[in-house]
Amino acid sequence: IDRIVENLPAKSIACTTKGRFFDLQILFENLNRKHFHGQSKARITWGKAQRKRYRKSIQLGLYYYEDNLIVIHPALDQSFVPEHYISWVVYHEMLHEVLGCETKNGRRKIHPPEFVVLEESFPSFAISKQWEEQNLHRLLRYQPNNR
C-alpha cells in the first residue's frame, strides 16, 4: 500500500489528463455519458511510474475512494495500446466509484457479482481481455521516457 500512496498526486495538484497518445478526460467524459448517464464525478489523472528493470505485475488503474480519484498507469499511454483497452481500464475504475465498496462480514468486496456482470457487459470486454493476454509482457517492460 505504501507504494501506491507514494504515487498518489496531492489533492492540491491539478490532474494531468493529456498524455502523449491519449487524453484521459475525453475518454472519461465519453464513458461517463455513454455508460453512467453522467453520474460519475471522479477526477482522473495519469500516475507516475517508477523505473524498474523488471516488473512481475502492474497496476494499470486505481480508484481512491477517499479522494474520488482515478489514477491510470502511464504504461497505457503508448502508441501500441488500443483505445478500446484503455477505455475498458477507465470503465473498470469508474465502476468502483459508481458501485462503491461493499463490506460483508468485516471484509471489503471490491468486485461483487454486480460489478463483474457490469464489467463483462462492456462492449470491448472480450477483445480487451484478449489484447491484454497477448500484450501484458509489453506493458510489464514499460520504462518512463521509453515511449
C-alpha atoms as a PDB file:
ATOM      1  CA  ILE A   1       0.000   0.000   0.000  1.00  0.00           C
ATOM      2  CA  ASP A   2       2.857   2.429   0.718  1.00  0.00           C
ATOM      3  CA  ARG A   3       3.984   2.083  -2.902  1.00  0.00           C
ATOM      4  CA  ILE A   4       0.514   3.113  -4.077  1.00  0.00           C
ATOM      5  CA  VAL A   5       0.228   6.050  -1.679  1.00  0.00           C
ATOM      6  CA  GLU A   6       3.597   7.500  -2.651  1.00  0.00           C
ATOM      7  CA  ASN A   7       2.474   7.694  -6.287  1.00  0.00           C
ATOM      8  CA  LEU A   8      -0.792   9.439  -5.400  1.00  0.00           C
ATOM      9  CA  PRO A   9      -0.885  13.070  -6.512  1.00  0.00           C
ATOM     10  CA  ALA A  10      -1.510  15.592  -3.740  1.00  0.00           C
ATOM     11  CA  LYS A  11      -5.073  16.922  -3.670  1.00  0.00           C
ATOM     12  CA  SER A  12      -3.870  20.453  -4.426  1.00  0.00           C
ATOM     13  CA  ILE A  13      -2.048  19.371  -7.586  1.00  0.00           C
ATOM     14  CA  ALA A  14      -4.062  19.564 -10.782  1.00  0.00           C
ATOM     15  CA  CYS A  15      -4.721  16.261 -12.504  1.00  0.00           C
ATOM     16  CA  THR A  16      -2.738  15.538 -15.652  1.00  0.00           C
ATOM     17  CA  THR A  17      -5.142  14.111 -18.208  1.00  0.00           C
ATOM     18  CA  LYS A  18      -3.344  14.730 -21.507  1.00  0.00           C
ATOM     19  CA  GLY A  19      -0.828  12.085 -22.378  1.00  0.00           C
ATOM     20  CA  ARG A  20       1.254  11.646 -25.473  1.00  0.00           C
ATOM     21  CA  PHE A  21      -1.341   9.421 -27.173  1.00  0.00           C
ATOM     22  CA  PHE A  22      -4.482   9.601 -25.025  1.00  0.00           C
ATOM     23  CA  ASP A  23      -6.454  12.294 -23.236  1.00  0.00           C
ATOM     24  CA  LEU A  24      -7.966  10.641 -20.175  1.00  0.00           C
ATOM     25  CA  GLN A  25     -10.527  13.414 -19.672  1.00  0.00           C
ATOM     26  CA  ILE A  26     -12.013  12.859 -23.129  1.00  0.00           C
ATOM     27  CA  LEU A  27     -12.156   9.080 -22.589  1.00  0.00           C
ATOM     28  CA  PHE A  28     -13.696   9.608 -19.132  1.00  0.00           C
ATOM     29  CA  GLU A  29     -16.352  12.032 -20.407  1.00  0.00           C
ATOM     30  CA  ASN A  30     -17.329   9.725 -23.288  1.00  0.00           C
ATOM     31  CA  LEU A  31     -17.615   6.717 -20.956  1.00  0.00           C
ATOM     32  CA  ASN A  32     -19.498   8.740 -18.353  1.00  0.00           C
ATOM     33  CA  ARG A  33     -22.050   9.914 -20.899  1.00  0.00           C
ATOM     34  CA  LYS A  34     -22.457   6.554 -22.632  1.00  0.00           C
ATOM     35  CA  HIS A  35     -22.415   4.134 -19.674  1.00  0.00           C
ATOM     36  CA  PHE A  36     -23.037   6.124 -16.480  1.00  0.00           C
ATOM     37  CA  HIS A  37     -25.578   8.797 -17.556  1.00  0.00           C
ATOM     38  CA  GLY A  38     -23.147  11.472 -16.349  1.00  0.00           C
ATOM     39  CA  GLN A  39     -23.265  10.163 -12.754  1.00  0.00           C
ATOM     40  CA  SER A  40     -19.516   9.675 -12.286  1.00  0.00           C
ATOM     41  CA  LYS A  41     -17.954  12.677 -10.548  1.00  0.00           C
ATOM     42  CA  ALA A  42     -14.444  11.278 -10.125  1.00  0.00           C
ATOM     43  CA  ARG A  43     -11.311  13.092 -11.177  1.00  0.00           C
ATOM     44  CA  ILE A  44      -8.859  11.246 -13.410  1.00  0.00           C
ATOM     45  CA  THR A  45      -5.120  11.549 -13.925  1.00  0.00           C
ATOM     46  CA  TRP A  46      -2.085   9.763 -15.259  1.00  0.00           C
ATOM     47  CA  GLY A  47       0.005   8.239 -12.476  1.00  0.00           C
ATOM     48  CA  LYS A  48       3.768   8.255 -12.224  1.00  0.00           C
ATOM     49  CA  ALA A  49       5.755   5.134 -12.989  1.00  0.00           C
ATOM     50  CA  GLN A  50       8.895   4.145 -11.205  1.00  0.00           C
ATOM     51  CA  ARG A  51      11.859   2.975 -13.211  1.00  0.00           C
ATOM     52  CA  LYS A  52      12.057  -0.763 -12.753  1.00  0.00           C
ATOM     53  CA  ARG A  53      14.186  -3.140 -14.699  1.00  0.00           C
ATOM     54  CA  TYR A  54      11.600  -5.906 -14.484  1.00  0.00           C
ATOM     55  CA  ARG A  55       8.051  -5.999 -13.181  1.00  0.00           C
ATOM     56  CA  LYS A  56       6.210  -9.170 -12.238  1.00  0.00           C
ATOM     57  CA  SER A  57       2.899  -7.322 -12.112  1.00  0.00           C
ATOM     58  CA  ILE A  58       1.474  -3.932 -12.938  1.00  0.00           C
ATOM     59  CA  GLN A  59      -1.473  -1.991 -11.518  1.00  0.00           C
ATOM     60  CA  LEU A  60      -2.952  -0.365 -14.621  1.00  0.00           C
ATOM     61  CA  GLY A  61      -5.683   1.570 -12.846  1.00  0.00           C
ATOM     62  CA  LEU A  62      -6.578   2.511  -9.289  1.00  0.00           C
ATOM     63  CA  TYR A  63      -9.582   4.178  -7.720  1.00  0.00           C
ATOM     64  CA  TYR A  64      -9.035   6.109  -4.484  1.00  0.00           C
ATOM     65  CA  TYR A  65     -12.379   6.203  -2.659  1.00  0.00           C
ATOM     66  CA  GLU A  66     -11.280   8.887  -0.181  1.00  0.00           C
ATOM     67  CA  ASP A  67     -10.257  11.291  -2.937  1.00  0.00           C
ATOM     68  CA  ASN A  68     -12.730  10.193  -5.634  1.00  0.00           C
ATOM     69  CA  LEU A  69      -9.718   9.897  -7.913  1.00  0.00           C
ATOM     70  CA  ILE A  70      -8.905   7.500 -10.748  1.00  0.00           C
ATOM     71  CA  VAL A  71      -5.201   7.037 -11.481  1.00  0.00           C
ATOM     72  CA  ILE A  72      -4.132   5.340 -14.720  1.00  0.00           C
ATOM     73  CA  HIS A  73      -0.651   3.862 -15.205  1.00  0.00           C
ATOM     74  CA  PRO A  74       1.375   5.721 -17.860  1.00  0.00           C
ATOM     75  CA  ALA A  75       2.298   2.398 -19.476  1.00  0.00           C
ATOM     76  CA  LEU A  76      -1.112   2.669 -21.179  1.00  0.00           C
ATOM     77  CA  ASP A  77      -0.134   5.928 -22.907  1.00  0.00           C
ATOM     78  CA  GLN A  78       1.783   4.216 -25.701  1.00  0.00           C
ATOM     79  CA  SER A  79       1.127   4.008 -29.427  1.00  0.00           C
ATOM     80  CA  PHE A  80       0.561   0.228 -29.464  1.00  0.00           C
ATOM     81  CA  VAL A  81      -2.193   0.354 -26.809  1.00  0.00           C
ATOM     82  CA  PRO A  82      -5.627   0.374 -28.485  1.00  0.00           C
ATOM     83  CA  GLU A  83      -8.187   2.925 -27.327  1.00  0.00           C
ATOM     84  CA  HIS A  84     -10.698   0.163 -26.542  1.00  0.00           C
ATOM     85  CA  TYR A  85      -8.276  -1.287 -23.987  1.00  0.00           C
ATOM     86  CA  ILE A  86      -7.554   1.910 -22.089  1.00  0.00           C
ATOM     87  CA  SER A  87     -11.284   2.716 -22.202  1.00  0.00           C
ATOM     88  CA  TRP A  88     -12.021  -0.626 -20.570  1.00  0.00           C
ATOM     89  CA  VAL A  89      -9.464   0.077 -17.796  1.00  0.00           C
ATOM     90  CA  VAL A  90     -11.010   3.521 -17.157  1.00  0.00           C
ATOM     91  CA  TYR A  91     -14.523   1.990 -17.209  1.00  0.00           C
ATOM     92  CA  HIS A  92     -13.421  -0.588 -14.628  1.00  0.00           C
ATOM     93  CA  GLU A  93     -12.211   2.166 -12.284  1.00  0.00           C
ATOM     94  CA  MET A  94     -15.388   4.190 -12.860  1.00  0.00           C
ATOM     95  CA  LEU A  95     -17.413   1.152 -11.753  1.00  0.00           C
ATOM     96  CA  HIS A  96     -15.583   1.301  -8.422  1.00  0.00           C
ATOM     97  CA  GLU A  97     -16.794   4.869  -7.895  1.00  0.00           C
ATOM     98  CA  VAL A  98     -20.364   4.294  -9.014  1.00  0.00           C
ATOM     99  CA  LEU A  99     -20.898   0.985  -7.190  1.00  0.00           C
ATOM    100  CA  GLY A 100     -18.879   1.826  -4.087  1.00  0.00           C
ATOM    101  CA  CYS A 101     -17.252  -0.753  -1.864  1.00  0.00           C
ATOM    102  CA  GLU A 102     -19.323  -3.415  -0.116  1.00  0.00           C
ATOM    103  CA  THR A 103     -18.324  -4.704   3.315  1.00  0.00           C
ATOM    104  CA  LYS A 104     -19.592  -8.138   4.302  1.00  0.00           C
ATOM    105  CA  ASN A 105     -18.576  -9.977   7.484  1.00  0.00           C
ATOM    106  CA  GLY A 106     -15.860  -7.383   8.063  1.00  0.00           C
ATOM    107  CA  ARG A 107     -14.297  -7.924   4.624  1.00  0.00           C
ATOM    108  CA  ARG A 108     -14.297  -5.455   1.775  1.00  0.00           C
ATOM    109  CA  LYS A 109     -15.632  -6.788  -1.508  1.00  0.00           C
ATOM    110  CA  ILE A 110     -14.375  -4.559  -4.276  1.00  0.00           C
ATOM    111  CA  HIS A 111     -15.575  -6.807  -7.129  1.00  0.00           C
ATOM    112  CA  PRO A 112     -19.002  -8.114  -6.064  1.00  0.00           C
ATOM    113  CA  PRO A 113     -21.112 -10.112  -8.566  1.00  0.00           C
ATOM    114  CA  GLU A 114     -22.904  -6.975  -9.838  1.00  0.00           C
ATOM    115  CA  PHE A 115     -19.520  -5.389 -10.595  1.00  0.00           C
ATOM    116  CA  VAL A 116     -18.383  -8.441 -12.569  1.00  0.00           C
ATOM    117  CA  VAL A 117     -21.627  -8.544 -14.588  1.00  0.00           C
ATOM    118  CA  LEU A 118     -21.346  -4.861 -15.498  1.00  0.00           C
ATOM    119  CA  GLU A 119     -17.654  -5.141 -16.345  1.00  0.00           C
ATOM    120  CA  GLU A 120     -18.228  -8.148 -18.587  1.00  0.00           C
ATOM    121  CA  SER A 121     -21.050  -6.296 -20.361  1.00  0.00           C
ATOM    122  CA  PHE A 122     -18.624  -3.584 -21.533  1.00  0.00           C
ATOM    123  CA  PRO A 123     -18.727  -3.674 -25.369  1.00  0.00           C
ATOM    124  CA  SER A 124     -14.998  -4.360 -25.830  1.00  0.00           C
ATOM    125  CA  PHE A 125     -14.534  -6.567 -22.734  1.00  0.00           C
ATOM    126  CA  ALA A 126     -13.677  -9.802 -24.576  1.00  0.00           C
ATOM    127  CA  ILE A 127     -11.378  -8.201 -27.128  1.00  0.00           C
ATOM    128  CA  SER A 128      -9.691  -6.141 -24.390  1.00  0.00           C
ATOM    129  CA  LYS A 129      -9.001  -9.223 -22.247  1.00  0.00           C
ATOM    130  CA  GLN A 130      -7.599 -10.987 -25.309  1.00  0.00           C
ATOM    131  CA  TRP A 131      -5.388  -7.985 -26.140  1.00  0.00           C
ATOM    132  CA  GLU A 132      -4.166  -7.903 -22.521  1.00  0.00           C
ATOM    133  CA  GLU A 133      -3.170 -11.581 -22.625  1.00  0.00           C
ATOM    134  CA  GLN A 134      -1.202 -11.017 -25.809  1.00  0.00           C
ATOM    135  CA  ASN A 135       0.460  -7.741 -24.733  1.00  0.00           C
ATOM    136  CA  LEU A 136       0.877  -7.788 -20.964  1.00  0.00           C
ATOM    137  CA  HIS A 137       4.569  -8.571 -21.364  1.00  0.00           C
ATOM    138  CA  ARG A 138       4.996  -5.278 -23.264  1.00  0.00           C
ATOM    139  CA  LEU A 139       3.263  -3.314 -20.503  1.00  0.00           C
ATOM    140  CA  LEU A 140       5.427  -5.005 -17.860  1.00  0.00           C
ATOM    141  CA  ARG A 141       8.558  -3.812 -19.691  1.00  0.00           C
ATOM    142  CA  TYR A 142       7.388  -0.181 -19.661  1.00  0.00           C
ATOM    143  CA  GLN A 143      10.065   2.339 -18.716  1.00  0.00           C
ATOM    144  CA  PRO A 144       9.253   6.042 -18.244  1.00  0.00           C
ATOM    145  CA  ASN A 145      10.593   8.090 -21.173  1.00  0.00           C
ATOM    146  CA  ASN A 146      10.818   4.947 -23.350  1.00  0.00           C
ATOM    147  CA  ARG A 147       7.637   5.559 -25.271  1.00  0.00           C
END
